[in-house]
N, C-alpha and C. Protein backbone atom coordinates (compact mmCIF):
# COMPACT_ATOMS: atom_id res chain seq x y z
N MET A 1 0.84 -1.18 0.00
CA MET A 1 0.00 0.00 0.00
C MET A 1 0.89 1.24 0.00
N GLU A 2 0.67 2.11 -0.95
CA GLU A 2 1.48 3.32 -1.05
C GLU A 2 0.84 4.45 -0.26
N ALA A 3 1.69 5.18 0.44
CA ALA A 3 1.23 6.32 1.24
C ALA A 3 1.60 7.62 0.54
N GLU A 4 0.92 8.68 0.92
CA GLU A 4 1.25 10.00 0.38
C GLU A 4 2.59 10.47 0.95
N ASN A 5 3.21 11.36 0.23
CA ASN A 5 4.50 11.92 0.64
C ASN A 5 4.32 12.76 1.91
N PRO A 6 4.97 12.40 3.03
CA PRO A 6 4.84 13.17 4.26
C PRO A 6 5.84 14.33 4.34
N TRP A 7 6.70 14.47 3.35
CA TRP A 7 7.71 15.52 3.32
C TRP A 7 7.18 16.72 2.54
N GLN A 8 7.56 17.93 2.98
CA GLN A 8 7.25 19.15 2.23
C GLN A 8 8.56 19.82 1.86
N THR A 9 8.77 20.06 0.57
CA THR A 9 9.98 20.72 0.11
C THR A 9 9.71 22.22 0.01
N LEU A 10 10.50 23.01 0.74
CA LEU A 10 10.35 24.46 0.75
C LEU A 10 11.20 25.11 -0.33
N SER A 11 12.43 24.61 -0.53
CA SER A 11 13.32 25.16 -1.55
C SER A 11 14.43 24.15 -1.82
N SER A 12 15.07 24.33 -2.96
CA SER A 12 16.20 23.47 -3.36
C SER A 12 17.30 24.35 -3.91
N ARG A 13 18.55 23.94 -3.62
CA ARG A 13 19.66 24.65 -4.25
C ARG A 13 20.75 23.65 -4.61
N LEU A 14 21.37 23.88 -5.76
CA LEU A 14 22.45 23.04 -6.24
C LEU A 14 23.71 23.36 -5.46
N ILE A 15 24.34 22.33 -4.89
CA ILE A 15 25.57 22.50 -4.12
C ILE A 15 26.79 22.20 -4.97
N TYR A 16 26.69 21.14 -5.78
CA TYR A 16 27.85 20.68 -6.56
C TYR A 16 27.34 19.89 -7.75
N GLU A 17 28.08 19.95 -8.87
CA GLU A 17 27.69 19.19 -10.04
C GLU A 17 28.93 18.86 -10.86
N ASN A 18 28.95 17.64 -11.43
CA ASN A 18 29.96 17.25 -12.42
C ASN A 18 29.24 16.43 -13.49
N PRO A 19 29.94 15.86 -14.47
CA PRO A 19 29.23 15.13 -15.53
C PRO A 19 28.47 13.88 -15.06
N TRP A 20 28.72 13.40 -13.85
CA TRP A 20 28.12 12.15 -13.40
C TRP A 20 27.08 12.31 -12.31
N ILE A 21 27.25 13.31 -11.44
CA ILE A 21 26.33 13.49 -10.31
C ILE A 21 26.03 14.97 -10.09
N ALA A 22 24.93 15.21 -9.39
CA ALA A 22 24.61 16.56 -8.90
C ALA A 22 24.16 16.40 -7.45
N LEU A 23 24.65 17.29 -6.60
CA LEU A 23 24.27 17.28 -5.19
C LEU A 23 23.45 18.53 -4.91
N ARG A 24 22.26 18.31 -4.36
CA ARG A 24 21.41 19.46 -4.01
C ARG A 24 21.07 19.38 -2.53
N GLU A 25 20.78 20.54 -1.97
CA GLU A 25 20.31 20.61 -0.59
C GLU A 25 18.92 21.21 -0.60
N ASP A 26 17.97 20.49 -0.01
CA ASP A 26 16.59 20.94 0.08
C ASP A 26 16.29 21.41 1.49
N LYS A 27 15.58 22.52 1.61
CA LYS A 27 14.99 22.90 2.88
C LYS A 27 13.63 22.23 2.93
N VAL A 28 13.36 21.53 4.02
CA VAL A 28 12.16 20.70 4.09
C VAL A 28 11.42 20.89 5.42
N ILE A 29 10.19 20.44 5.40
CA ILE A 29 9.44 20.16 6.62
C ILE A 29 9.36 18.64 6.69
N ASP A 30 9.91 18.05 7.75
CA ASP A 30 9.96 16.59 7.82
C ASP A 30 8.60 16.02 8.25
N PRO A 31 8.46 14.69 8.24
CA PRO A 31 7.16 14.08 8.56
C PRO A 31 6.62 14.45 9.93
N SER A 32 7.49 14.87 10.87
CA SER A 32 7.00 15.27 12.20
C SER A 32 6.55 16.72 12.24
N GLY A 33 6.76 17.46 11.12
CA GLY A 33 6.38 18.86 11.06
C GLY A 33 7.50 19.82 11.38
N LYS A 34 8.71 19.30 11.62
CA LYS A 34 9.86 20.14 11.95
C LYS A 34 10.61 20.55 10.70
N PRO A 35 11.15 21.79 10.69
CA PRO A 35 11.98 22.21 9.55
C PRO A 35 13.34 21.53 9.62
N GLY A 36 13.92 21.31 8.43
CA GLY A 36 15.23 20.69 8.37
C GLY A 36 15.81 20.80 6.97
N ILE A 37 16.88 20.08 6.75
CA ILE A 37 17.50 20.03 5.43
C ILE A 37 17.61 18.57 4.99
N TYR A 38 17.70 18.37 3.69
CA TYR A 38 17.90 17.04 3.14
C TYR A 38 18.85 17.16 1.96
N GLY A 39 19.95 16.42 1.99
CA GLY A 39 20.89 16.36 0.88
C GLY A 39 20.54 15.20 -0.03
N VAL A 40 20.46 15.47 -1.32
CA VAL A 40 20.09 14.44 -2.30
C VAL A 40 21.14 14.42 -3.41
N ILE A 41 21.65 13.22 -3.70
CA ILE A 41 22.58 13.03 -4.81
C ILE A 41 21.77 12.53 -6.00
N HIS A 42 21.82 13.27 -7.10
CA HIS A 42 21.17 12.86 -8.34
C HIS A 42 22.22 12.25 -9.25
N TYR A 43 21.97 11.03 -9.70
CA TYR A 43 22.88 10.35 -10.63
C TYR A 43 22.42 10.60 -12.05
N LYS A 44 23.34 10.96 -12.92
CA LYS A 44 23.02 11.30 -14.29
C LYS A 44 23.07 10.09 -15.22
N ASN A 45 23.34 8.91 -14.65
CA ASN A 45 23.37 7.67 -15.41
C ASN A 45 22.65 6.58 -14.63
N LEU A 46 22.21 5.55 -15.34
CA LEU A 46 21.72 4.33 -14.71
C LEU A 46 22.92 3.51 -14.28
N ALA A 47 22.80 2.78 -13.20
CA ALA A 47 23.80 1.77 -12.83
C ALA A 47 23.37 0.47 -13.48
N LEU A 48 24.23 -0.09 -14.31
CA LEU A 48 23.89 -1.28 -15.07
C LEU A 48 24.89 -2.39 -14.79
N GLY A 49 24.39 -3.61 -14.64
CA GLY A 49 25.25 -4.76 -14.44
C GLY A 49 24.74 -5.94 -15.22
N VAL A 50 25.62 -6.92 -15.47
CA VAL A 50 25.24 -8.11 -16.23
C VAL A 50 25.98 -9.32 -15.69
N ILE A 51 25.26 -10.44 -15.62
CA ILE A 51 25.86 -11.72 -15.28
C ILE A 51 25.89 -12.54 -16.56
N PRO A 52 27.07 -12.62 -17.20
CA PRO A 52 27.18 -13.43 -18.41
C PRO A 52 27.44 -14.89 -18.04
N ILE A 53 26.75 -15.81 -18.71
CA ILE A 53 26.94 -17.23 -18.45
C ILE A 53 27.23 -17.92 -19.79
N ASP A 54 28.36 -18.66 -19.83
CA ASP A 54 28.72 -19.31 -21.09
C ASP A 54 28.16 -20.73 -21.15
N ALA A 55 28.46 -21.42 -22.23
CA ALA A 55 27.89 -22.74 -22.50
C ALA A 55 28.33 -23.80 -21.51
N GLU A 56 29.41 -23.53 -20.75
CA GLU A 56 29.90 -24.49 -19.76
C GLU A 56 29.46 -24.12 -18.35
N GLY A 57 28.60 -23.10 -18.22
CA GLY A 57 28.12 -22.69 -16.90
C GLY A 57 29.11 -21.82 -16.14
N PHE A 58 30.03 -21.20 -16.85
CA PHE A 58 30.99 -20.28 -16.25
C PHE A 58 30.47 -18.85 -16.40
N THR A 59 30.90 -17.98 -15.51
CA THR A 59 30.61 -16.55 -15.63
C THR A 59 31.92 -15.78 -15.67
N TYR A 60 31.82 -14.48 -15.83
CA TYR A 60 32.99 -13.62 -15.96
C TYR A 60 32.88 -12.50 -14.95
N LEU A 61 33.95 -12.32 -14.18
CA LEU A 61 34.04 -11.21 -13.24
C LEU A 61 35.11 -10.24 -13.72
N VAL A 62 34.95 -9.00 -13.31
CA VAL A 62 35.91 -7.95 -13.64
C VAL A 62 36.53 -7.46 -12.35
N GLY A 63 37.84 -7.40 -12.32
CA GLY A 63 38.55 -6.89 -11.15
C GLY A 63 39.12 -5.51 -11.45
N GLN A 64 38.96 -4.61 -10.49
CA GLN A 64 39.52 -3.27 -10.65
C GLN A 64 39.66 -2.60 -9.29
N TYR A 65 40.56 -1.62 -9.25
CA TYR A 65 40.74 -0.83 -8.04
C TYR A 65 39.66 0.23 -7.99
N ARG A 66 38.93 0.27 -6.89
CA ARG A 66 37.85 1.25 -6.73
C ARG A 66 38.36 2.41 -5.89
N TYR A 67 38.50 3.55 -6.54
CA TYR A 67 39.08 4.73 -5.90
C TYR A 67 38.35 5.16 -4.62
N PRO A 68 37.01 5.26 -4.60
CA PRO A 68 36.36 5.72 -3.37
C PRO A 68 36.60 4.80 -2.18
N LEU A 69 36.74 3.50 -2.44
CA LEU A 69 36.95 2.54 -1.36
C LEU A 69 38.41 2.41 -0.96
N GLY A 70 39.29 2.74 -1.89
CA GLY A 70 40.72 2.53 -1.65
C GLY A 70 41.07 1.06 -1.61
N GLN A 71 40.37 0.23 -2.40
CA GLN A 71 40.66 -1.19 -2.42
C GLN A 71 40.26 -1.82 -3.74
N TYR A 72 40.77 -3.03 -3.96
CA TYR A 72 40.49 -3.79 -5.17
C TYR A 72 39.14 -4.48 -5.02
N SER A 73 38.42 -4.62 -6.13
CA SER A 73 37.07 -5.18 -6.08
C SER A 73 36.84 -6.11 -7.26
N TRP A 74 36.28 -7.29 -6.98
CA TRP A 74 35.81 -8.20 -8.03
C TRP A 74 34.31 -8.01 -8.17
N GLU A 75 33.85 -7.86 -9.42
CA GLU A 75 32.47 -7.48 -9.70
C GLU A 75 31.98 -8.14 -10.98
N ILE A 76 30.66 -8.19 -11.14
CA ILE A 76 30.11 -8.53 -12.45
C ILE A 76 30.43 -7.36 -13.38
N PRO A 77 30.45 -7.56 -14.69
CA PRO A 77 30.64 -6.43 -15.60
C PRO A 77 29.53 -5.40 -15.36
N GLU A 78 29.93 -4.15 -15.19
CA GLU A 78 28.94 -3.11 -14.88
C GLU A 78 29.47 -1.74 -15.26
N GLY A 79 28.55 -0.79 -15.29
CA GLY A 79 28.94 0.58 -15.60
C GLY A 79 27.72 1.47 -15.67
N GLY A 80 27.95 2.68 -16.13
CA GLY A 80 26.87 3.66 -16.22
C GLY A 80 26.26 3.68 -17.60
N GLY A 81 24.95 3.83 -17.64
CA GLY A 81 24.23 3.95 -18.90
C GLY A 81 23.50 5.27 -18.96
N ARG A 82 23.57 5.92 -20.08
CA ARG A 82 22.91 7.21 -20.23
C ARG A 82 21.41 7.07 -20.09
N LEU A 83 20.79 8.03 -19.42
CA LEU A 83 19.36 8.00 -19.15
C LEU A 83 18.52 8.16 -20.43
N ASP A 84 19.10 8.77 -21.46
CA ASP A 84 18.36 9.01 -22.69
C ASP A 84 18.57 7.91 -23.72
N ARG A 85 19.19 6.79 -23.30
CA ARG A 85 19.43 5.67 -24.22
C ARG A 85 18.80 4.39 -23.68
N ASP A 86 18.64 3.42 -24.56
CA ASP A 86 18.08 2.12 -24.18
C ASP A 86 19.05 1.42 -23.22
N PRO A 87 18.58 1.04 -22.02
CA PRO A 87 19.49 0.41 -21.05
C PRO A 87 20.12 -0.88 -21.56
N LEU A 88 19.37 -1.66 -22.32
CA LEU A 88 19.93 -2.91 -22.84
C LEU A 88 21.10 -2.63 -23.78
N THR A 89 20.95 -1.66 -24.65
CA THR A 89 22.04 -1.30 -25.55
C THR A 89 23.25 -0.81 -24.76
N GLU A 90 23.00 -0.06 -23.69
CA GLU A 90 24.09 0.47 -22.87
C GLU A 90 24.84 -0.65 -22.14
N ILE A 91 24.14 -1.65 -21.60
CA ILE A 91 24.84 -2.72 -20.89
C ILE A 91 25.51 -3.67 -21.88
N GLN A 92 24.96 -3.81 -23.07
CA GLN A 92 25.66 -4.59 -24.10
C GLN A 92 26.99 -3.94 -24.44
N ARG A 93 27.02 -2.61 -24.52
CA ARG A 93 28.26 -1.88 -24.77
C ARG A 93 29.25 -2.11 -23.64
N GLU A 94 28.76 -2.02 -22.38
CA GLU A 94 29.64 -2.21 -21.22
C GLU A 94 30.24 -3.61 -21.21
N LEU A 95 29.43 -4.62 -21.50
CA LEU A 95 29.93 -6.00 -21.50
C LEU A 95 31.04 -6.15 -22.53
N LEU A 96 30.84 -5.61 -23.72
CA LEU A 96 31.86 -5.68 -24.76
C LEU A 96 33.11 -4.92 -24.36
N GLU A 97 32.94 -3.70 -23.86
CA GLU A 97 34.10 -2.89 -23.47
C GLU A 97 34.94 -3.58 -22.40
N GLU A 98 34.28 -4.11 -21.37
CA GLU A 98 35.01 -4.62 -20.22
C GLU A 98 35.55 -6.03 -20.42
N THR A 99 34.84 -6.87 -21.19
CA THR A 99 35.23 -8.28 -21.29
C THR A 99 35.50 -8.76 -22.71
N GLY A 100 35.03 -8.03 -23.71
CA GLY A 100 35.11 -8.51 -25.08
C GLY A 100 33.99 -9.45 -25.46
N LEU A 101 33.04 -9.66 -24.56
CA LEU A 101 31.95 -10.60 -24.80
C LEU A 101 30.74 -9.91 -25.45
N THR A 102 30.07 -10.66 -26.31
CA THR A 102 28.74 -10.29 -26.78
C THR A 102 27.83 -11.47 -26.47
N ALA A 103 26.54 -11.20 -26.36
CA ALA A 103 25.58 -12.25 -26.02
C ALA A 103 24.39 -12.17 -26.94
N ARG A 104 23.88 -13.34 -27.35
CA ARG A 104 22.70 -13.39 -28.22
C ARG A 104 21.42 -13.27 -27.41
N CYS A 105 21.43 -13.72 -26.14
CA CYS A 105 20.21 -13.76 -25.33
C CYS A 105 20.39 -12.92 -24.07
N TRP A 106 19.35 -12.15 -23.74
CA TRP A 106 19.39 -11.25 -22.59
C TRP A 106 18.08 -11.34 -21.82
N GLN A 107 18.16 -11.17 -20.50
CA GLN A 107 16.97 -11.13 -19.65
C GLN A 107 17.21 -10.12 -18.52
N LEU A 108 16.29 -9.21 -18.32
CA LEU A 108 16.36 -8.31 -17.17
C LEU A 108 16.02 -9.11 -15.91
N LEU A 109 16.91 -9.07 -14.92
CA LEU A 109 16.71 -9.80 -13.66
C LEU A 109 16.14 -8.92 -12.56
N LEU A 110 16.76 -7.76 -12.34
CA LEU A 110 16.43 -6.95 -11.17
C LEU A 110 16.43 -5.47 -11.49
N ARG A 111 15.54 -4.74 -10.81
CA ARG A 111 15.56 -3.28 -10.74
C ARG A 111 15.78 -2.94 -9.27
N MET A 112 16.76 -2.09 -8.98
CA MET A 112 17.09 -1.75 -7.60
C MET A 112 17.34 -0.26 -7.47
N HIS A 113 17.02 0.29 -6.31
CA HIS A 113 17.45 1.64 -5.97
C HIS A 113 18.60 1.52 -4.98
N LEU A 114 19.70 2.18 -5.29
CA LEU A 114 20.90 2.08 -4.48
C LEU A 114 20.99 3.28 -3.55
N SER A 115 21.23 3.04 -2.28
CA SER A 115 21.36 4.12 -1.29
C SER A 115 20.19 5.09 -1.36
N ASN A 116 18.97 4.57 -1.30
CA ASN A 116 17.79 5.42 -1.55
C ASN A 116 17.49 6.41 -0.44
N SER A 117 18.27 6.40 0.63
CA SER A 117 18.09 7.44 1.65
C SER A 117 18.82 8.73 1.29
N VAL A 118 19.76 8.65 0.33
CA VAL A 118 20.51 9.84 -0.05
C VAL A 118 20.61 10.06 -1.56
N SER A 119 20.19 9.08 -2.36
CA SER A 119 20.33 9.24 -3.80
C SER A 119 19.14 8.68 -4.54
N ASP A 120 19.05 9.05 -5.83
CA ASP A 120 17.98 8.55 -6.70
C ASP A 120 18.52 7.52 -7.70
N GLU A 121 19.68 6.94 -7.42
CA GLU A 121 20.33 6.04 -8.39
C GLU A 121 19.51 4.76 -8.60
N LEU A 122 19.22 4.47 -9.86
CA LEU A 122 18.49 3.27 -10.26
C LEU A 122 19.47 2.30 -10.89
N ALA A 123 19.38 1.03 -10.50
CA ALA A 123 20.23 -0.01 -11.06
C ALA A 123 19.38 -1.06 -11.75
N LEU A 124 19.87 -1.54 -12.88
CA LEU A 124 19.26 -2.65 -13.62
C LEU A 124 20.31 -3.73 -13.78
N ILE A 125 19.93 -4.97 -13.48
CA ILE A 125 20.86 -6.09 -13.61
C ILE A 125 20.28 -7.10 -14.59
N TYR A 126 21.11 -7.52 -15.53
CA TYR A 126 20.70 -8.43 -16.59
C TYR A 126 21.42 -9.76 -16.47
N LEU A 127 20.83 -10.77 -17.09
CA LEU A 127 21.47 -12.05 -17.33
C LEU A 127 21.73 -12.11 -18.83
N ALA A 128 22.91 -12.58 -19.23
CA ALA A 128 23.26 -12.69 -20.65
C ALA A 128 23.86 -14.07 -20.90
N TRP A 129 23.50 -14.68 -22.02
CA TRP A 129 24.04 -15.99 -22.34
C TRP A 129 24.08 -16.18 -23.84
N ASP A 130 24.54 -17.35 -24.28
CA ASP A 130 24.87 -17.62 -25.67
C ASP A 130 25.92 -16.60 -26.11
N LEU A 131 27.10 -16.74 -25.49
CA LEU A 131 28.16 -15.75 -25.57
C LEU A 131 29.09 -15.99 -26.75
N SER A 132 29.65 -14.91 -27.27
CA SER A 132 30.75 -14.94 -28.23
C SER A 132 31.89 -14.11 -27.65
N VAL A 133 33.10 -14.59 -27.88
CA VAL A 133 34.28 -13.93 -27.31
C VAL A 133 34.92 -13.04 -28.36
N GLY A 134 35.23 -11.81 -27.95
CA GLY A 134 35.92 -10.87 -28.82
C GLY A 134 37.02 -10.17 -28.05
N ILE A 135 37.28 -8.94 -28.42
CA ILE A 135 38.37 -8.17 -27.80
C ILE A 135 37.78 -7.08 -26.91
N ALA A 136 38.27 -7.03 -25.67
CA ALA A 136 37.82 -6.00 -24.72
C ALA A 136 38.35 -4.64 -25.14
N ARG A 137 37.58 -3.61 -24.83
CA ARG A 137 37.95 -2.23 -25.15
C ARG A 137 37.67 -1.33 -23.94
N PRO A 138 38.40 -1.52 -22.83
CA PRO A 138 38.11 -0.72 -21.63
C PRO A 138 38.37 0.77 -21.86
N GLU A 139 37.68 1.58 -21.07
CA GLU A 139 37.89 3.03 -21.13
C GLU A 139 39.26 3.37 -20.55
N SER A 140 39.72 4.56 -20.82
CA SER A 140 41.06 4.96 -20.38
C SER A 140 41.18 5.01 -18.86
N THR A 141 40.06 5.18 -18.16
CA THR A 141 40.09 5.24 -16.69
C THR A 141 40.02 3.86 -16.05
N GLU A 142 39.94 2.81 -16.87
CA GLU A 142 39.76 1.46 -16.34
C GLU A 142 41.02 0.62 -16.58
N LYS A 143 41.55 0.06 -15.49
CA LYS A 143 42.62 -0.93 -15.58
C LYS A 143 42.02 -2.21 -15.01
N LEU A 144 41.60 -3.11 -15.91
CA LEU A 144 40.75 -4.23 -15.53
C LEU A 144 41.46 -5.57 -15.69
N GLN A 145 41.04 -6.52 -14.85
CA GLN A 145 41.34 -7.93 -15.04
C GLN A 145 40.01 -8.64 -15.28
N VAL A 146 39.98 -9.59 -16.18
CA VAL A 146 38.78 -10.38 -16.42
C VAL A 146 39.06 -11.81 -15.99
N LEU A 147 38.16 -12.35 -15.20
CA LEU A 147 38.32 -13.69 -14.65
C LEU A 147 37.11 -14.54 -15.04
N ARG A 148 37.37 -15.68 -15.67
CA ARG A 148 36.31 -16.64 -16.00
C ARG A 148 36.33 -17.73 -14.93
N LEU A 149 35.19 -17.95 -14.27
CA LEU A 149 35.12 -18.97 -13.24
C LEU A 149 33.73 -19.57 -13.19
N PRO A 150 33.58 -20.76 -12.61
CA PRO A 150 32.25 -21.36 -12.53
C PRO A 150 31.27 -20.42 -11.81
N LEU A 151 30.06 -20.35 -12.34
CA LEU A 151 29.05 -19.47 -11.74
C LEU A 151 28.88 -19.76 -10.25
N MET A 152 28.84 -21.03 -9.87
CA MET A 152 28.63 -21.37 -8.46
C MET A 152 29.81 -20.91 -7.60
N GLU A 153 31.00 -20.85 -8.17
CA GLU A 153 32.14 -20.33 -7.41
C GLU A 153 32.01 -18.83 -7.20
N ALA A 154 31.53 -18.12 -8.21
CA ALA A 154 31.29 -16.68 -8.06
C ALA A 154 30.26 -16.43 -6.96
N ILE A 155 29.21 -17.25 -6.94
CA ILE A 155 28.19 -17.12 -5.89
C ILE A 155 28.81 -17.40 -4.52
N GLU A 156 29.69 -18.39 -4.45
CA GLU A 156 30.37 -18.69 -3.19
C GLU A 156 31.24 -17.52 -2.74
N TRP A 157 31.84 -16.79 -3.69
CA TRP A 157 32.63 -15.60 -3.34
C TRP A 157 31.76 -14.57 -2.63
N VAL A 158 30.49 -14.47 -3.04
CA VAL A 158 29.58 -13.55 -2.34
C VAL A 158 29.39 -14.02 -0.90
N HIS A 159 29.12 -15.30 -0.72
CA HIS A 159 28.88 -15.84 0.63
C HIS A 159 30.11 -15.70 1.53
N ARG A 160 31.30 -15.73 0.94
CA ARG A 160 32.54 -15.60 1.72
C ARG A 160 32.97 -14.15 1.92
N GLY A 161 32.23 -13.21 1.34
CA GLY A 161 32.58 -11.80 1.48
C GLY A 161 33.69 -11.35 0.56
N LYS A 162 34.03 -12.15 -0.43
CA LYS A 162 35.08 -11.77 -1.38
C LYS A 162 34.54 -10.81 -2.44
N ILE A 163 33.23 -10.86 -2.68
CA ILE A 163 32.54 -9.90 -3.55
C ILE A 163 31.63 -9.07 -2.67
N THR A 164 31.81 -7.75 -2.68
CA THR A 164 31.00 -6.86 -1.83
C THR A 164 30.24 -5.81 -2.63
N ASP A 165 30.52 -5.68 -3.90
CA ASP A 165 29.82 -4.71 -4.75
C ASP A 165 28.33 -5.02 -4.77
N SER A 166 27.48 -4.01 -4.57
CA SER A 166 26.05 -4.24 -4.37
C SER A 166 25.36 -4.86 -5.59
N LEU A 167 25.67 -4.41 -6.81
CA LEU A 167 25.05 -5.00 -7.98
C LEU A 167 25.44 -6.46 -8.13
N SER A 168 26.71 -6.75 -7.86
CA SER A 168 27.20 -8.12 -7.97
C SER A 168 26.56 -9.02 -6.94
N VAL A 169 26.50 -8.57 -5.70
CA VAL A 169 25.90 -9.36 -4.62
C VAL A 169 24.44 -9.65 -4.94
N ALA A 170 23.67 -8.61 -5.27
CA ALA A 170 22.24 -8.79 -5.53
C ALA A 170 22.01 -9.69 -6.74
N GLY A 171 22.74 -9.45 -7.82
CA GLY A 171 22.54 -10.22 -9.03
C GLY A 171 22.90 -11.68 -8.86
N LEU A 172 24.05 -11.95 -8.25
CA LEU A 172 24.48 -13.34 -8.08
C LEU A 172 23.58 -14.09 -7.11
N LEU A 173 23.16 -13.45 -6.03
CA LEU A 173 22.26 -14.13 -5.10
C LEU A 173 20.88 -14.36 -5.72
N TYR A 174 20.45 -13.45 -6.58
CA TYR A 174 19.18 -13.66 -7.27
C TYR A 174 19.27 -14.86 -8.21
N VAL A 175 20.38 -14.96 -8.93
CA VAL A 175 20.58 -16.12 -9.80
C VAL A 175 20.62 -17.40 -8.96
N GLU A 176 21.28 -17.35 -7.80
CA GLU A 176 21.29 -18.52 -6.92
C GLU A 176 19.87 -18.94 -6.53
N SER A 177 19.01 -17.96 -6.25
CA SER A 177 17.62 -18.29 -5.89
C SER A 177 16.87 -18.88 -7.07
N LEU A 178 17.14 -18.41 -8.28
CA LEU A 178 16.50 -18.98 -9.47
C LEU A 178 16.93 -20.43 -9.67
N LEU A 179 18.22 -20.70 -9.45
CA LEU A 179 18.71 -22.07 -9.58
C LEU A 179 18.08 -22.98 -8.53
N ALA A 180 17.97 -22.48 -7.30
CA ALA A 180 17.39 -23.28 -6.21
C ALA A 180 15.92 -23.62 -6.49
N ARG A 181 15.21 -22.68 -7.12
CA ARG A 181 13.79 -22.91 -7.44
C ARG A 181 13.60 -23.65 -8.75
N LYS A 182 14.74 -23.98 -9.39
CA LYS A 182 14.73 -24.64 -10.70
C LYS A 182 14.05 -23.78 -11.77
N ALA A 183 14.11 -22.46 -11.59
CA ALA A 183 13.59 -21.51 -12.58
C ALA A 183 14.67 -21.16 -13.60
N LEU A 184 15.87 -21.69 -13.39
CA LEU A 184 16.99 -21.45 -14.30
C LEU A 184 17.85 -22.70 -14.29
N THR A 185 18.28 -23.12 -15.47
CA THR A 185 19.20 -24.24 -15.57
C THR A 185 20.50 -23.74 -16.18
N LEU A 186 21.58 -24.47 -15.94
CA LEU A 186 22.88 -24.09 -16.49
C LEU A 186 23.29 -25.10 -17.55
N PRO A 187 23.77 -24.64 -18.70
CA PRO A 187 23.69 -23.25 -19.14
C PRO A 187 22.27 -22.93 -19.62
N PRO A 188 21.87 -21.68 -19.57
CA PRO A 188 20.53 -21.31 -20.06
C PRO A 188 20.44 -21.52 -21.57
N THR A 189 19.23 -21.66 -22.04
CA THR A 189 19.00 -21.72 -23.48
C THR A 189 18.09 -20.54 -23.86
N CYS A 190 18.26 -20.04 -25.05
CA CYS A 190 17.47 -18.88 -25.47
C CYS A 190 16.00 -19.22 -25.56
N SER A 191 15.69 -20.42 -26.00
CA SER A 191 14.28 -20.77 -26.11
C SER A 191 13.72 -21.07 -24.74
N GLY A 192 12.71 -20.34 -24.37
CA GLY A 192 11.98 -20.66 -23.14
C GLY A 192 12.40 -19.89 -21.92
N ILE A 193 13.54 -19.22 -21.91
CA ILE A 193 13.95 -18.59 -20.65
C ILE A 193 13.00 -17.46 -20.28
N GLU A 194 12.45 -16.77 -21.26
CA GLU A 194 11.52 -15.69 -20.95
C GLU A 194 10.31 -16.21 -20.19
N ARG A 195 9.96 -17.48 -20.37
CA ARG A 195 8.81 -18.06 -19.67
C ARG A 195 9.15 -18.42 -18.23
N LEU A 196 10.45 -18.46 -17.90
CA LEU A 196 10.87 -18.92 -16.59
C LEU A 196 10.86 -17.82 -15.53
N PHE A 197 10.91 -16.56 -15.96
CA PHE A 197 11.03 -15.46 -15.00
C PHE A 197 9.69 -14.79 -14.82
């Protein structure tokens, strides 16, 4: 059951902006009726991720150093997609750039809001299969390693805390639940998978 918005926005002002995010501060009346402020981060791109699965039931992870965390991270292929473009086309580009892979079959798995107490960032996670291998074309800001490993091992990395990226955790655990319910078999086939979700 959806409720009406208990917040009242009195004014908004832009605090900071770059090509990827904008930070605004709103003067508000909170749900208790008290005046206050609320900082909101607006993301100018969609957060997109994909779990590619090959004919042998293996998936591909991307390793990279994450500057905000100050540490190395293993993740599903992911990146930002422009809001004015088709998300599927954008994640297909990311998969090719980061891994060199293309896929004949795609399925949207999850829609998520990330950090929804401070941001409006929307994430979409896809499953991709019937893969072809090509040449990766990472962006100049990316120094990546690509690792091919059994899908179940990648899921185990989540359980062991070796993968902490939110899109990767959510996507891999969702795939694990599909496998447990027998709503997905390895490797997937293009015919019929749309009927399974």
